[in-house]
Amino acid sequence: MNIFETQYTAATAFDRLLHIMNDLRAQCPWDKKQTLETLRHLTIEETYELSDAILEGDMQEVKKELGDLMLHLAFYAKIGSETNDFNMTDVANGICEKLINRHPHIYSDTVAETEEEVKQNWEQIKLKEGNKSVLSGVPKSLPALIKASRIQEKARGVGFDWDKKEDVWLKVEEELAEFKAEFNTVANEAVDKEKAEAEFGDLLFSLINYARFIDINPEDALEKTNKKFIKRFQYLEAKAVEKGKLLQDMSLAEMDVFWNEAKKV
């Protein structure tokens, strides 16, 4: 194949990537040294960069980051082929078979007319495939906020869920009261940090549950708040420099003036 051609279909473009990957693995000193383990943290980083681009709504950056991730997929498959464990064809066919098997409402005679029915079928099929628990598909290394959301979605897939969002909100209020109670101590009585931490975890879990009921992704919501805070804080820093001041030498009242300005920008 000529990797310098300019006209491609999706299939030939992907084949071009695989040919380039073969060249790099054979000839590039850096690429030759990589293993599944050394690539792992880089793949995680690329995934977060894609996430950032999506939240920013930058479609050109999304396209670029998707390409970076595609390179990683080709890299892993190349390494797998060198050890005779799997190759890209195995990987692609594996996901095709998985999708066909888990969408019997498309490729068989099962009926599923709503998103919830599809999710329930999906979890039931996974159990039939040998999964010992509905929750076994939740990666252990997921960040806790995302993991909580995925756990709740998995449980919902088999019917273990609240009936109404109002009931979930009552649970939020209950957990908030229990968290606050940990700090209503008598004079000179130390707060039990371990219990307070446990109650705070319960409160977060219930808030994530409520977010799911009102169709808010808690990870996206928190990240957008993070970005908003960063933007406003950097505005505050810039204004302090303009005034020839250091933040640590400013009063909170002085900083609040710039902070409120930042809200309007």
Protein backbone atom coordinates (compact mmCIF):
# COMPACT_ATOMS: atom_id res chain seq x y z
CA MET A 1 0.00 0.00 0.00
CA ASN A 2 1.20 3.54 -0.77
CA ILE A 3 0.97 5.42 2.54
CA PHE A 4 1.48 8.75 0.74
CA GLU A 5 -1.74 8.55 -1.28
CA THR A 6 -4.18 11.41 -0.80
CA GLN A 7 -7.54 9.80 -1.56
CA TYR A 8 -8.90 7.29 0.95
CA THR A 9 -12.03 5.58 2.13
CA ALA A 10 -12.53 4.93 5.84
CA ALA A 11 -11.22 1.38 5.34
CA THR A 12 -8.14 2.37 3.36
CA ALA A 13 -7.35 5.22 5.77
CA PHE A 14 -7.42 2.79 8.68
CA ASP A 15 -5.27 0.35 6.70
CA ARG A 16 -2.84 3.20 6.12
CA LEU A 17 -2.59 3.71 9.88
CA LEU A 18 -1.82 0.02 10.40
CA HIS A 19 0.94 0.14 7.76
CA ILE A 20 2.47 3.22 9.39
CA MET A 21 2.28 1.48 12.77
CA ASN A 22 4.22 -1.46 11.30
CA ASP A 23 6.89 0.93 10.02
CA LEU A 24 7.20 2.74 13.34
CA ARG A 25 7.39 -0.47 15.32
CA ALA A 26 10.15 -1.78 13.07
CA GLN A 27 12.20 1.38 12.64
CA CYS A 28 11.55 4.03 15.33
CA PRO A 29 13.71 3.64 18.50
CA TRP A 30 10.94 5.02 20.75
CA ASP A 31 8.12 2.98 19.23
CA LYS A 32 10.18 -0.21 19.36
CA LYS A 33 10.61 0.12 23.13
CA GLN A 34 6.94 0.53 24.03
CA THR A 35 4.90 -2.15 25.83
CA LEU A 36 1.26 -2.44 26.91
CA GLU A 37 2.33 -1.18 30.33
CA THR A 38 4.29 1.85 29.11
CA LEU A 39 1.45 2.92 26.83
CA ARG A 40 -1.23 2.58 29.50
CA HIS A 41 -0.75 5.94 31.23
CA LEU A 42 -0.39 7.69 27.88
CA THR A 43 -3.71 6.25 26.73
CA ILE A 44 -5.40 7.52 29.89
CA GLU A 45 -3.93 10.97 29.24
CA GLU A 46 -5.17 10.95 25.64
CA THR A 47 -8.65 9.96 26.83
CA TYR A 48 -8.77 12.92 29.19
CA GLU A 49 -7.60 15.22 26.40
CA LEU A 50 -10.48 13.97 24.27
CA SER A 51 -12.83 14.60 27.19
CA ASP A 52 -11.54 18.18 27.47
CA ALA A 53 -12.08 18.79 23.76
CA ILE A 54 -15.64 17.48 23.97
CA LEU A 55 -16.47 19.74 26.92
CA GLU A 56 -14.94 22.71 25.09
CA GLY A 57 -17.03 21.91 22.02
CA ASP A 58 -13.90 22.09 19.84
CA MET A 59 -14.70 19.66 17.03
CA GLN A 60 -11.33 20.00 15.31
CA GLU A 61 -9.63 19.13 18.59
CA VAL A 62 -12.06 16.21 19.06
CA LYS A 63 -11.04 14.92 15.63
CA LYS A 64 -7.35 15.20 16.52
CA GLU A 65 -7.75 13.45 19.87
CA LEU A 66 -9.78 10.66 18.29
CA GLY A 67 -6.85 10.12 15.94
CA ASP A 68 -4.45 9.93 18.88
CA LEU A 69 -6.65 7.32 20.54
CA MET A 70 -6.93 5.38 17.29
CA LEU A 71 -3.14 5.28 17.14
CA HIS A 72 -3.09 3.75 20.60
CA LEU A 73 -5.58 1.08 19.53
CA ALA A 74 -3.37 0.22 16.56
CA PHE A 75 -0.31 0.18 18.84
CA TYR A 76 -1.88 -2.25 21.33
CA ALA A 77 -3.05 -4.51 18.51
CA LYS A 78 0.43 -4.50 16.95
CA ILE A 79 2.01 -5.52 20.26
CA GLY A 80 -0.61 -8.24 20.67
CA SER A 81 0.18 -9.60 17.21
CA GLU A 82 3.89 -9.80 18.06
CA THR A 83 3.12 -12.11 20.99
CA ASN A 84 0.53 -14.05 18.95
CA ASP A 85 -2.18 -13.18 21.48
CA PHE A 86 -4.41 -11.10 19.15
CA ASN A 87 -4.25 -8.73 16.20
CA MET A 88 -6.36 -5.88 14.88
CA THR A 89 -8.62 -8.26 12.96
CA ASP A 90 -9.31 -10.18 16.17
CA VAL A 91 -10.03 -6.95 18.03
CA ALA A 92 -12.41 -5.63 15.36
CA ASN A 93 -14.22 -8.95 14.93
CA GLY A 94 -14.48 -9.32 18.69
CA ILE A 95 -16.32 -6.05 19.15
CA CYS A 96 -18.53 -6.78 16.10
CA GLU A 97 -19.60 -10.13 17.55
CA LYS A 98 -20.17 -8.55 20.96
CA LEU A 99 -22.39 -5.82 19.52
CA ILE A 100 -24.41 -8.28 17.45
CA ASN A 101 -24.91 -10.55 20.46
CA ARG A 102 -25.91 -7.70 22.76
CA HIS A 103 -28.37 -6.13 20.31
CA PRO A 104 -30.84 -8.98 19.71
CA HIS A 105 -33.55 -6.34 19.10
CA ILE A 106 -31.60 -5.42 15.95
CA TYR A 107 -30.07 -8.73 14.86
CA SER A 108 -32.64 -11.19 16.23
CA ASP A 109 -36.31 -11.29 17.22
CA THR A 110 -36.08 -9.72 20.70
CA VAL A 111 -38.26 -6.63 21.20
CA ALA A 112 -36.81 -3.53 22.88
CA GLU A 113 -38.51 -0.27 22.08
CA THR A 114 -37.06 1.99 24.78
CA GLU A 115 -33.60 2.87 26.02
CA GLU A 116 -34.36 1.27 29.38
CA GLU A 117 -35.37 -2.03 27.77
CA VAL A 118 -32.13 -2.03 25.78
CA LYS A 119 -30.08 -1.49 28.95
CA GLN A 120 -31.94 -4.25 30.81
CA ASN A 121 -31.36 -6.69 27.94
CA TRP A 122 -27.70 -5.70 27.84
CA GLU A 123 -27.14 -6.54 31.52
CA GLN A 124 -29.06 -9.82 31.29
CA ILE A 125 -27.00 -10.90 28.28
CA LYS A 126 -23.76 -10.07 30.12
CA LEU A 127 -24.81 -12.32 32.99
CA LYS A 128 -25.53 -15.12 30.53
CA GLU A 129 -22.06 -14.61 29.05
CA GLY A 130 -20.54 -15.55 32.38
CA ASN A 131 -20.32 -12.34 34.40
CA LYS A 132 -20.81 -13.26 38.05
CA SER A 133 -22.11 -9.84 39.02
CA VAL A 134 -23.88 -7.00 37.27
CA LEU A 135 -21.24 -4.72 38.78
CA SER A 136 -18.25 -6.73 37.55
CA GLY A 137 -18.11 -4.62 34.40
CA VAL A 138 -17.29 -1.45 36.38
CA PRO A 139 -13.49 -0.93 36.21
CA LYS A 140 -11.84 -0.81 39.63
CA SER A 141 -9.54 2.03 38.59
CA LEU A 142 -12.32 4.43 37.52
CA PRO A 143 -12.33 7.77 39.36
CA ALA A 144 -14.74 7.50 42.28
CA LEU A 145 -17.29 9.99 40.92
CA ILE A 146 -17.60 8.19 37.59
CA LYS A 147 -17.55 4.81 39.30
CA ALA A 148 -20.50 5.77 41.53
CA SER A 149 -22.49 6.81 38.49
CA ARG A 150 -21.68 3.60 36.60
CA ILE A 151 -22.55 1.43 39.64
CA GLN A 152 -25.95 3.08 39.87
CA GLU A 153 -26.59 2.70 36.14
CA LYS A 154 -25.67 -0.99 36.30
CA ALA A 155 -27.98 -1.60 39.27
CA ARG A 156 -30.78 0.21 37.49
CA GLY A 157 -30.31 -2.09 34.48
CA VAL A 158 -31.64 -5.02 36.52
CA GLY A 159 -34.42 -3.05 38.24
CA PHE A 160 -32.65 -2.12 41.50
CA ASP A 161 -33.52 1.57 41.61
CA TRP A 162 -35.77 4.21 43.12
CA ASP A 163 -39.22 4.71 41.64
CA LYS A 164 -39.36 8.51 41.75
CA LYS A 165 -36.80 11.32 41.84
CA GLU A 166 -38.66 12.79 44.82
CA ASP A 167 -37.73 9.72 46.85
CA VAL A 168 -34.09 10.14 45.85
CA TRP A 169 -34.14 13.76 46.97
CA LEU A 170 -35.51 12.71 50.36
CA LYS A 171 -32.50 10.39 50.59
CA VAL A 172 -30.20 13.32 49.75
CA GLU A 173 -31.74 15.37 52.57
CA GLU A 174 -31.45 12.41 54.95
CA GLU A 175 -27.77 11.95 54.14
CA LEU A 176 -27.12 15.70 54.44
CA ALA A 177 -28.70 15.70 57.91
CA GLU A 178 -26.57 12.73 58.97
CA PHE A 179 -23.43 14.45 57.68
CA LYS A 180 -24.28 17.68 59.53
CA ALA A 181 -25.02 15.71 62.71
CA GLU A 182 -21.39 14.58 62.81
CA PHE A 183 -20.37 18.19 63.47
CA ASN A 184 -23.02 18.96 66.12
CA THR A 185 -20.68 18.01 68.91
CA VAL A 186 -20.58 19.28 72.47
CA ALA A 187 -17.86 21.70 73.53
CA ASN A 188 -14.31 20.34 73.23
CA GLU A 189 -15.57 17.07 71.69
CA ALA A 190 -13.52 16.12 68.64
CA VAL A 191 -15.27 15.30 65.38
CA ASP A 192 -15.04 11.64 64.43
CA LYS A 193 -13.33 12.14 61.07
CA GLU A 194 -13.85 8.57 59.94
CA LYS A 195 -17.61 8.74 60.54
CA ALA A 196 -17.83 12.20 58.97
CA GLU A 197 -15.98 10.93 55.90
CA ALA A 198 -18.36 7.98 55.61
CA GLU A 199 -21.40 10.26 55.85
CA PHE A 200 -19.92 12.63 53.28
CA GLY A 201 -19.43 9.69 50.92
CA ASP A 202 -23.05 8.66 51.41
CA LEU A 203 -24.15 12.24 50.67
CA LEU A 204 -22.12 12.38 47.46
CA PHE A 205 -23.45 8.98 46.36
CA SER A 206 -27.05 10.10 46.88
CA LEU A 207 -26.44 13.39 45.03
CA ILE A 208 -24.99 11.46 42.09
CA ASN A 209 -28.08 9.26 42.20
CA TYR A 210 -30.35 12.29 42.05
CA ALA A 211 -28.33 13.77 39.18
CA ARG A 212 -28.92 10.57 37.24
CA PHE A 213 -32.67 10.86 37.78
CA ILE A 214 -32.75 14.38 36.35
CA ASP A 215 -30.45 13.43 33.47
CA ILE A 216 -27.37 15.35 34.60
CA ASN A 217 -23.96 13.75 34.18
CA PRO A 218 -22.23 14.52 37.52
CA GLU A 219 -18.72 14.24 36.07
CA ASP A 220 -19.52 16.73 33.30
CA ALA A 221 -21.28 19.06 35.73
CA LEU A 222 -18.36 19.11 38.16
CA GLU A 223 -15.78 19.55 35.40
CA LYS A 224 -17.70 22.50 33.97
CA THR A 225 -17.71 24.06 37.44
CA ASN A 226 -13.95 23.41 37.70
CA LYS A 227 -13.39 25.18 34.39
CA LYS A 228 -15.61 28.08 35.46
CA PHE A 229 -13.67 28.47 38.72
CA ILE A 230 -10.32 28.34 36.89
CA LYS A 231 -11.43 31.04 34.43
CA ARG A 232 -12.64 33.35 37.19
CA PHE A 233 -9.61 32.75 39.41
CA GLN A 234 -7.22 33.46 36.54
CA TYR A 235 -9.13 36.70 35.88
CA LEU A 236 -8.61 37.57 39.54
CA GLU A 237 -4.88 36.83 39.23
CA ALA A 238 -4.59 38.97 36.08
CA LYS A 239 -6.35 41.90 37.73
CA ALA A 240 -4.08 41.66 40.76
CA VAL A 241 -1.05 41.87 38.47
CA GLU A 242 -2.56 44.93 36.76
CA LYS A 243 -2.83 46.60 40.18
CA GLY A 244 0.73 45.59 41.08
CA LYS A 245 -0.47 43.42 43.96
CA LEU A 246 0.08 39.87 45.16
CA LEU A 247 -3.02 37.81 45.97
CA GLN A 248 -1.64 36.80 49.34
CA ASP A 249 -1.35 40.48 50.28
CA MET A 250 -4.95 41.30 49.32
CA SER A 251 -7.92 41.09 51.62
CA LEU A 252 -10.80 38.80 50.78
CA ALA A 253 -12.99 41.86 50.23
CA GLU A 254 -10.53 43.19 47.64
CA MET A 255 -10.42 39.85 45.86
CA ASP A 256 -14.22 39.63 45.89
CA VAL A 257 -14.41 42.81 43.80
CA PHE A 258 -12.47 41.17 40.98
CA TRP A 259 -14.23 37.85 41.48
CA ASN A 260 -17.62 39.51 40.97
CA GLU A 261 -16.24 41.22 37.86
CA ALA A 262 -15.14 37.83 36.55
CA LYS A 263 -18.70 36.53 36.81
CA LYS A 264 -19.78 39.14 34.28
CA VAL A 265 -17.05 38.41 31.75
